[in-house]
Amino acid sequence: MKEIIWTQKFEREVKAIKDKSTKTRVVKQIKKIIANPDVGKPLEYALKGERTVYVPPFRIIYAFKECKMYLS
């Protein structure tokens, strides 16, 4: 099992989601990322080494380092 590390901004934004279906989609996408880290699109330039997935209206940016997953 990978350790998941949330940024304060990510945690605050997820808690602020009022729509339950959107929150459910975000959680499902995070589970998919854990199961298959290559699911997201690789980013470039300043965010090289990170990946992104889009869960309308949110974009999840994540990176795996060692056995930790960083969500921002």
PDB file of N, CA and C in Angstrom:
ATOM      1  N   MET A   1       0.850  -1.192   0.000  1.00  0.00           N
ATOM      2  CA  MET A   1       0.000   0.000   0.000  1.00  0.00           C
ATOM      3  C   MET A   1       0.884   1.240   0.000  1.00  0.00           C
ATOM      4  N   LYS A   2       0.543   2.173  -0.824  1.00  0.00           N
ATOM      5  CA  LYS A   2       1.290   3.419  -0.913  1.00  0.00           C
ATOM      6  C   LYS A   2       0.752   4.421   0.107  1.00  0.00           C
ATOM      7  N   GLU A   3       1.658   5.191   0.663  1.00  0.00           N
ATOM      8  CA  GLU A   3       1.257   6.265   1.566  1.00  0.00           C
ATOM      9  C   GLU A   3       0.815   7.447   0.712  1.00  0.00           C
ATOM     10  N   ILE A   4      -0.327   8.030   1.035  1.00  0.00           N
ATOM     11  CA  ILE A   4      -0.860   9.160   0.275  1.00  0.00           C
ATOM     12  C   ILE A   4      -0.643  10.434   1.074  1.00  0.00           C
ATOM     13  N   ILE A   5      -0.020  11.414   0.437  1.00  0.00           N
ATOM     14  CA  ILE A   5       0.243  12.696   1.082  1.00  0.00           C
ATOM     15  C   ILE A   5      -0.527  13.772   0.329  1.00  0.00           C
ATOM     16  N   TRP A   6      -1.442  14.438   1.016  1.00  0.00           N
ATOM     17  CA  TRP A   6      -2.275  15.489   0.426  1.00  0.00           C
ATOM     18  C   TRP A   6      -1.653  16.846   0.732  1.00  0.00           C
ATOM     19  N   THR A   7      -1.646  17.741  -0.234  1.00  0.00           N
ATOM     20  CA  THR A   7      -1.252  19.110   0.087  1.00  0.00           C
ATOM     21  C   THR A   7      -2.423  19.752   0.823  1.00  0.00           C
ATOM     22  N   GLN A   8      -2.144  20.797   1.568  1.00  0.00           N
ATOM     23  CA  GLN A   8      -3.218  21.485   2.291  1.00  0.00           C
ATOM     24  C   GLN A   8      -4.252  22.033   1.318  1.00  0.00           C
ATOM     25  N   LYS A   9      -3.793  22.554   0.194  1.00  0.00           N
ATOM     26  CA  LYS A   9      -4.707  23.102  -0.806  1.00  0.00           C
ATOM     27  C   LYS A   9      -5.628  22.013  -1.350  1.00  0.00           C
ATOM     28  N   PHE A  10      -5.063  20.834  -1.671  1.00  0.00           N
ATOM     29  CA  PHE A  10      -5.866  19.734  -2.203  1.00  0.00           C
ATOM     30  C   PHE A  10      -6.912  19.298  -1.183  1.00  0.00           C
ATOM     31  N   GLU A  11      -6.487  19.132   0.052  1.00  0.00           N
ATOM     32  CA  GLU A  11      -7.406  18.710   1.110  1.00  0.00           C
ATOM     33  C   GLU A  11      -8.535  19.725   1.299  1.00  0.00           C
ATOM     34  N   ARG A  12      -8.196  20.999   1.300  1.00  0.00           N
ATOM     35  CA  ARG A  12      -9.188  22.062   1.471  1.00  0.00           C
ATOM     36  C   ARG A  12     -10.190  22.058   0.311  1.00  0.00           C
ATOM     37  N   GLU A  13      -9.693  21.881  -0.922  1.00  0.00           N
ATOM     38  CA  GLU A  13     -10.580  21.904  -2.085  1.00  0.00           C
ATOM     39  C   GLU A  13     -11.494  20.684  -2.132  1.00  0.00           C
ATOM     40  N   VAL A  14     -10.978  19.523  -1.752  1.00  0.00           N
ATOM     41  CA  VAL A  14     -11.818  18.319  -1.736  1.00  0.00           C
ATOM     42  C   VAL A  14     -12.900  18.444  -0.666  1.00  0.00           C
ATOM     43  N   LYS A  15     -12.545  18.962   0.495  1.00  0.00           N
ATOM     44  CA  LYS A  15     -13.541  19.146   1.558  1.00  0.00           C
ATOM     45  C   LYS A  15     -14.614  20.151   1.158  1.00  0.00           C
ATOM     46  N   ALA A  16     -14.265  21.088   0.283  1.00  0.00           N
ATOM     47  CA  ALA A  16     -15.210  22.127  -0.129  1.00  0.00           C
ATOM     48  C   ALA A  16     -16.187  21.656  -1.204  1.00  0.00           C
ATOM     49  N   ILE A  17     -15.980  20.463  -1.762  1.00  0.00           N
ATOM     50  CA  ILE A  17     -16.882  19.963  -2.800  1.00  0.00           C
ATOM     51  C   ILE A  17     -18.229  19.651  -2.165  1.00  0.00           C
ATOM     52  N   LYS A  18     -19.257  20.313  -2.632  1.00  0.00           N
ATOM     53  CA  LYS A  18     -20.603  20.118  -2.075  1.00  0.00           C
ATOM     54  C   LYS A  18     -21.340  18.971  -2.777  1.00  0.00           C
ATOM     55  N   ASP A  19     -21.103  18.814  -4.066  1.00  0.00           N
ATOM     56  CA  ASP A  19     -21.790  17.809  -4.872  1.00  0.00           C
ATOM     57  C   ASP A  19     -21.222  16.414  -4.582  1.00  0.00           C
ATOM     58  N   LYS A  20     -22.070  15.527  -4.067  1.00  0.00           N
ATOM     59  CA  LYS A  20     -21.615  14.189  -3.693  1.00  0.00           C
ATOM     60  C   LYS A  20     -21.127  13.382  -4.886  1.00  0.00           C
ATOM     61  N   SER A  21     -21.764  13.542  -6.038  1.00  0.00           N
ATOM     62  CA  SER A  21     -21.333  12.774  -7.209  1.00  0.00           C
ATOM     63  C   SER A  21     -19.938  13.202  -7.657  1.00  0.00           C
ATOM     64  N   THR A  22     -19.643  14.486  -7.571  1.00  0.00           N
ATOM     65  CA  THR A  22     -18.306  14.971  -7.929  1.00  0.00           C
ATOM     66  C   THR A  22     -17.278  14.435  -6.951  1.00  0.00           C
ATOM     67  N   LYS A  23     -17.603  14.475  -5.672  1.00  0.00           N
ATOM     68  CA  LYS A  23     -16.680  13.970  -4.649  1.00  0.00           C
ATOM     69  C   LYS A  23     -16.432  12.471  -4.858  1.00  0.00           C
ATOM     70  N   THR A  24     -17.472  11.733  -5.211  1.00  0.00           N
ATOM     71  CA  THR A  24     -17.341  10.302  -5.477  1.00  0.00           C
ATOM     72  C   THR A  24     -16.437  10.053  -6.677  1.00  0.00           C
ATOM     73  N   ARG A  25     -16.595  10.863  -7.736  1.00  0.00           N
ATOM     74  CA  ARG A  25     -15.745  10.714  -8.925  1.00  0.00           C
ATOM     75  C   ARG A  25     -14.283  10.998  -8.599  1.00  0.00           C
ATOM     76  N   VAL A  26     -14.033  11.989  -7.754  1.00  0.00           N
ATOM     77  CA  VAL A  26     -12.657  12.313  -7.352  1.00  0.00           C
ATOM     78  C   VAL A  26     -12.052  11.136  -6.584  1.00  0.00           C
ATOM     79  N   VAL A  27     -12.795  10.577  -5.648  1.00  0.00           N
ATOM     80  CA  VAL A  27     -12.307   9.441  -4.859  1.00  0.00           C
ATOM     81  C   VAL A  27     -12.045   8.236  -5.763  1.00  0.00           C
ATOM     82  N   LYS A  28     -12.958   7.953  -6.699  1.00  0.00           N
ATOM     83  CA  LYS A  28     -12.770   6.836  -7.631  1.00  0.00           C
ATOM     84  C   LYS A  28     -11.514   7.035  -8.473  1.00  0.00           C
ATOM     85  N   GLN A  29     -11.293   8.260  -8.920  1.00  0.00           N
ATOM     86  CA  GLN A  29     -10.117   8.536  -9.740  1.00  0.00           C
ATOM     87  C   GLN A  29      -8.835   8.346  -8.930  1.00  0.00           C
ATOM     88  N   ILE A  30      -8.852   8.751  -7.673  1.00  0.00           N
ATOM     89  CA  ILE A  30      -7.678   8.551  -6.818  1.00  0.00           C
ATOM     90  C   ILE A  30      -7.397   7.056  -6.656  1.00  0.00           C
ATOM     91  N   LYS A  31      -8.440   6.252  -6.503  1.00  0.00           N
ATOM     92  CA  LYS A  31      -8.263   4.798  -6.402  1.00  0.00           C
ATOM     93  C   LYS A  31      -7.677   4.233  -7.690  1.00  0.00           C
ATOM     94  N   LYS A  32      -8.122   4.753  -8.842  1.00  0.00           N
ATOM     95  CA  LYS A  32      -7.569   4.309 -10.127  1.00  0.00           C
ATOM     96  C   LYS A  32      -6.089   4.670 -10.230  1.00  0.00           C
ATOM     97  N   ILE A  33      -5.738   5.854  -9.757  1.00  0.00           N
ATOM     98  CA  ILE A  33      -4.339   6.289  -9.793  1.00  0.00           C
ATOM     99  C   ILE A  33      -3.481   5.370  -8.927  1.00  0.00           C
ATOM    100  N   ILE A  34      -3.984   4.998  -7.763  1.00  0.00           N
ATOM    101  CA  ILE A  34      -3.236   4.110  -6.870  1.00  0.00           C
ATOM    102  C   ILE A  34      -3.028   2.754  -7.534  1.00  0.00           C
ATOM    103  N   ALA A  35      -4.070   2.251  -8.203  1.00  0.00           N
ATOM    104  CA  ALA A  35      -3.982   0.953  -8.867  1.00  0.00           C
ATOM    105  C   ALA A  35      -3.061   0.992 -10.084  1.00  0.00           C
ATOM    106  N   ASN A  36      -3.074   2.110 -10.811  1.00  0.00           N
ATOM    107  CA  ASN A  36      -2.267   2.245 -12.024  1.00  0.00           C
ATOM    108  C   ASN A  36      -1.703   3.661 -12.093  1.00  0.00           C
ATOM    109  N   PRO A  37      -0.522   3.886 -11.558  1.00  0.00           N
ATOM    110  CA  PRO A  37       0.044   5.241 -11.502  1.00  0.00           C
ATOM    111  C   PRO A  37       0.250   5.900 -12.866  1.00  0.00           C
ATOM    112  N   ASP A  38       0.304   5.117 -13.937  1.00  0.00           N
ATOM    113  CA  ASP A  38       0.534   5.679 -15.270  1.00  0.00           C
ATOM    114  C   ASP A  38      -0.744   6.138 -15.956  1.00  0.00           C
ATOM    115  N   VAL A  39      -1.864   6.152 -15.264  1.00  0.00           N
ATOM    116  CA  VAL A  39      -3.149   6.506 -15.863  1.00  0.00           C
ATOM    117  C   VAL A  39      -3.196   7.969 -16.312  1.00  0.00           C
ATOM    118  N   GLY A  40      -2.506   8.838 -15.631  1.00  0.00           N
ATOM    119  CA  GLY A  40      -2.561  10.266 -15.949  1.00  0.00           C
ATOM    120  C   GLY A  40      -1.603  10.672 -17.047  1.00  0.00           C
ATOM    121  N   LYS A  41      -1.818  11.873 -17.548  1.00  0.00           N
ATOM    122  CA  LYS A  41      -0.968  12.439 -18.594  1.00  0.00           C
ATOM    123  C   LYS A  41       0.295  13.020 -17.944  1.00  0.00           C
ATOM    124  N   PRO A  42       1.476  12.665 -18.468  1.00  0.00           N
ATOM    125  CA  PRO A  42       2.705  13.239 -17.909  1.00  0.00           C
ATOM    126  C   PRO A  42       2.790  14.736 -18.191  1.00  0.00           C
ATOM    127  N   LEU A  43       3.259  15.476 -17.212  1.00  0.00           N
ATOM    128  CA  LEU A  43       3.394  16.922 -17.368  1.00  0.00           C
ATOM    129  C   LEU A  43       4.816  17.279 -17.784  1.00  0.00           C
ATOM    130  N   GLU A  44       4.984  18.507 -18.248  1.00  0.00           N
ATOM    131  CA  GLU A  44       6.280  18.961 -18.758  1.00  0.00           C
ATOM    132  C   GLU A  44       6.732  20.214 -18.023  1.00  0.00           C
ATOM    133  N   TYR A  45       7.932  20.639 -18.380  1.00  0.00           N
ATOM    134  CA  TYR A  45       8.531  21.884 -17.905  1.00  0.00           C
ATOM    135  C   TYR A  45       8.642  21.902 -16.381  1.00  0.00           C
ATOM    136  N   ALA A  46       8.074  22.877 -15.726  1.00  0.00           N
ATOM    137  CA  ALA A  46       8.230  23.027 -14.273  1.00  0.00           C
ATOM    138  C   ALA A  46       7.604  21.865 -13.500  1.00  0.00           C
ATOM    139  N   LEU A  47       6.622  21.195 -14.095  1.00  0.00           N
ATOM    140  CA  LEU A  47       5.939  20.091 -13.412  1.00  0.00           C
ATOM    141  C   LEU A  47       6.402  18.721 -13.915  1.00  0.00           C
ATOM    142  N   LYS A  48       7.558  18.673 -14.560  1.00  0.00           N
ATOM    143  CA  LYS A  48       8.083  17.408 -15.073  1.00  0.00           C
ATOM    144  C   LYS A  48       8.228  16.410 -13.926  1.00  0.00           C
ATOM    145  N   GLY A  49       7.818  15.178 -14.171  1.00  0.00           N
ATOM    146  CA  GLY A  49       7.853  14.146 -13.137  1.00  0.00           C
ATOM    147  C   GLY A  49       6.511  13.968 -12.454  1.00  0.00           C
ATOM    148  N   GLU A  50       5.574  14.865 -12.745  1.00  0.00           N
ATOM    149  CA  GLU A  50       4.228  14.761 -12.187  1.00  0.00           C
ATOM    150  C   GLU A  50       3.261  14.381 -13.304  1.00  0.00           C
ATOM    151  N   ARG A  51       2.096  13.917 -12.914  1.00  0.00           N
ATOM    152  CA  ARG A  51       1.056  13.521 -13.869  1.00  0.00           C
ATOM    153  C   ARG A  51      -0.239  14.219 -13.499  1.00  0.00           C
ATOM    154  N   THR A  52      -1.181  14.233 -14.448  1.00  0.00           N
ATOM    155  CA  THR A  52      -2.452  14.898 -14.200  1.00  0.00           C
ATOM    156  C   THR A  52      -3.611  14.090 -14.770  1.00  0.00           C
ATOM    157  N   VAL A  53      -4.728  14.146 -14.080  1.00  0.00           N
ATOM    158  CA  VAL A  53      -5.995  13.611 -14.581  1.00  0.00           C
ATOM    159  C   VAL A  53      -7.053  14.678 -14.348  1.00  0.00           C
ATOM    160  N   TYR A  54      -8.030  14.712 -15.230  1.00  0.00           N
ATOM    161  CA  TYR A  54      -9.079  15.721 -15.160  1.00  0.00           C
ATOM    162  C   TYR A  54     -10.372  15.065 -14.719  1.00  0.00           C
ATOM    163  N   VAL A  55     -10.923  15.554 -13.622  1.00  0.00           N
ATOM    164  CA  VAL A  55     -12.230  15.132 -13.116  1.00  0.00           C
ATOM    165  C   VAL A  55     -13.051  16.412 -13.063  1.00  0.00           C
ATOM    166  N   PRO A  56     -13.805  16.701 -14.128  1.00  0.00           N
ATOM    167  CA  PRO A  56     -14.491  18.001 -14.220  1.00  0.00           C
ATOM    168  C   PRO A  56     -15.252  18.341 -12.947  1.00  0.00           C
ATOM    169  N   PRO A  57     -15.098  19.513 -12.422  1.00  0.00           N
ATOM    170  CA  PRO A  57     -14.312  20.665 -12.860  1.00  0.00           C
ATOM    171  C   PRO A  57     -12.917  20.730 -12.229  1.00  0.00           C
ATOM    172  N   PHE A  58     -12.372  19.608 -11.749  1.00  0.00           N
ATOM    173  CA  PHE A  58     -11.093  19.593 -11.044  1.00  0.00           C
ATOM    174  C   PHE A  58     -10.009  18.898 -11.850  1.00  0.00           C
ATOM    175  N   ARG A  59      -8.795  19.337 -11.638  1.00  0.00           N
ATOM    176  CA  ARG A  59      -7.623  18.678 -12.203  1.00  0.00           C
ATOM    177  C   ARG A  59      -6.793  18.183 -11.022  1.00  0.00           C
ATOM    178  N   ILE A  60      -6.507  16.890 -11.034  1.00  0.00           N
ATOM    179  CA  ILE A  60      -5.693  16.290  -9.983  1.00  0.00           C
ATOM    180  C   ILE A  60      -4.274  16.155 -10.519  1.00  0.00           C
ATOM    181  N   ILE A  61      -3.328  16.720  -9.805  1.00  0.00           N
ATOM    182  CA  ILE A  61      -1.917  16.597 -10.159  1.00  0.00           C
ATOM    183  C   ILE A  61      -1.275  15.726  -9.091  1.00  0.00           C
ATOM    184  N   TYR A  62      -0.534  14.710  -9.541  1.00  0.00           N
ATOM    185  CA  TYR A  62       0.052  13.781  -8.581  1.00  0.00           C
ATOM    186  C   TYR A  62       1.440  13.345  -9.020  1.00  0.00           C
ATOM    187  N   ALA A  63       2.183  12.841  -8.061  1.00  0.00           N
ATOM    188  CA  ALA A  63       3.519  12.310  -8.319  1.00  0.00           C
ATOM    189  C   ALA A  63       3.783  11.172  -7.341  1.00  0.00           C
ATOM    190  N   PHE A  64       4.503  10.170  -7.813  1.00  0.00           N
ATOM    191  CA  PHE A  64       4.931   9.075  -6.951  1.00  0.00           C
ATOM    192  C   PHE A  64       6.424   9.213  -6.710  1.00  0.00           C
ATOM    193  N   LYS A  65       6.789   9.208  -5.457  1.00  0.00           N
ATOM    194  CA  LYS A  65       8.198   9.240  -5.073  1.00  0.00           C
ATOM    195  C   LYS A  65       8.386   8.185  -4.002  1.00  0.00           C
ATOM    196  N   GLU A  66       9.222   7.202  -4.296  1.00  0.00           N
ATOM    197  CA  GLU A  66       9.429   6.042  -3.443  1.00  0.00           C
ATOM    198  C   GLU A  66       8.082   5.342  -3.284  1.00  0.00           C
ATOM    199  N   CYS A  67       7.587   5.167  -2.087  1.00  0.00           N
ATOM    200  CA  CYS A  67       6.293   4.509  -1.866  1.00  0.00           C
ATOM    201  C   CYS A  67       5.240   5.513  -1.425  1.00  0.00           C
ATOM    202  N   LYS A  68       5.400   6.765  -1.834  1.00  0.00           N
ATOM    203  CA  LYS A  68       4.466   7.811  -1.431  1.00  0.00           C
ATOM    204  C   LYS A  68       3.827   8.435  -2.659  1.00  0.00           C
ATOM    205  N   MET A  69       2.543   8.746  -2.543  1.00  0.00           N
ATOM    206  CA  MET A  69       1.831   9.437  -3.610  1.00  0.00           C
ATOM    207  C   MET A  69       1.485  10.830  -3.111  1.00  0.00           C
ATOM    208  N   TYR A  70       1.910  11.842  -3.853  1.00  0.00           N
ATOM    209  CA  TYR A  70       1.669  13.235  -3.486  1.00  0.00           C
ATOM    210  C   TYR A  70       0.538  13.788  -4.343  1.00  0.00           C
ATOM    211  N   LEU A  71      -0.515  14.285  -3.721  1.00  0.00           N
ATOM    212  CA  LEU A  71      -1.657  14.871  -4.423  1.00  0.00           C
ATOM    213  C   LEU A  71      -1.652  16.371  -4.208  1.00  0.00           C
ATOM    214  N   SER A  72      -1.803  17.112  -5.311  1.00  0.00           N
ATOM    215  CA  SER A  72      -1.866  18.568  -5.185  1.00  0.00           C
ATOM    216  C   SER A  72      -2.914  19.126  -6.118  1.00  0.00           C
TER     217      SER A  72
END
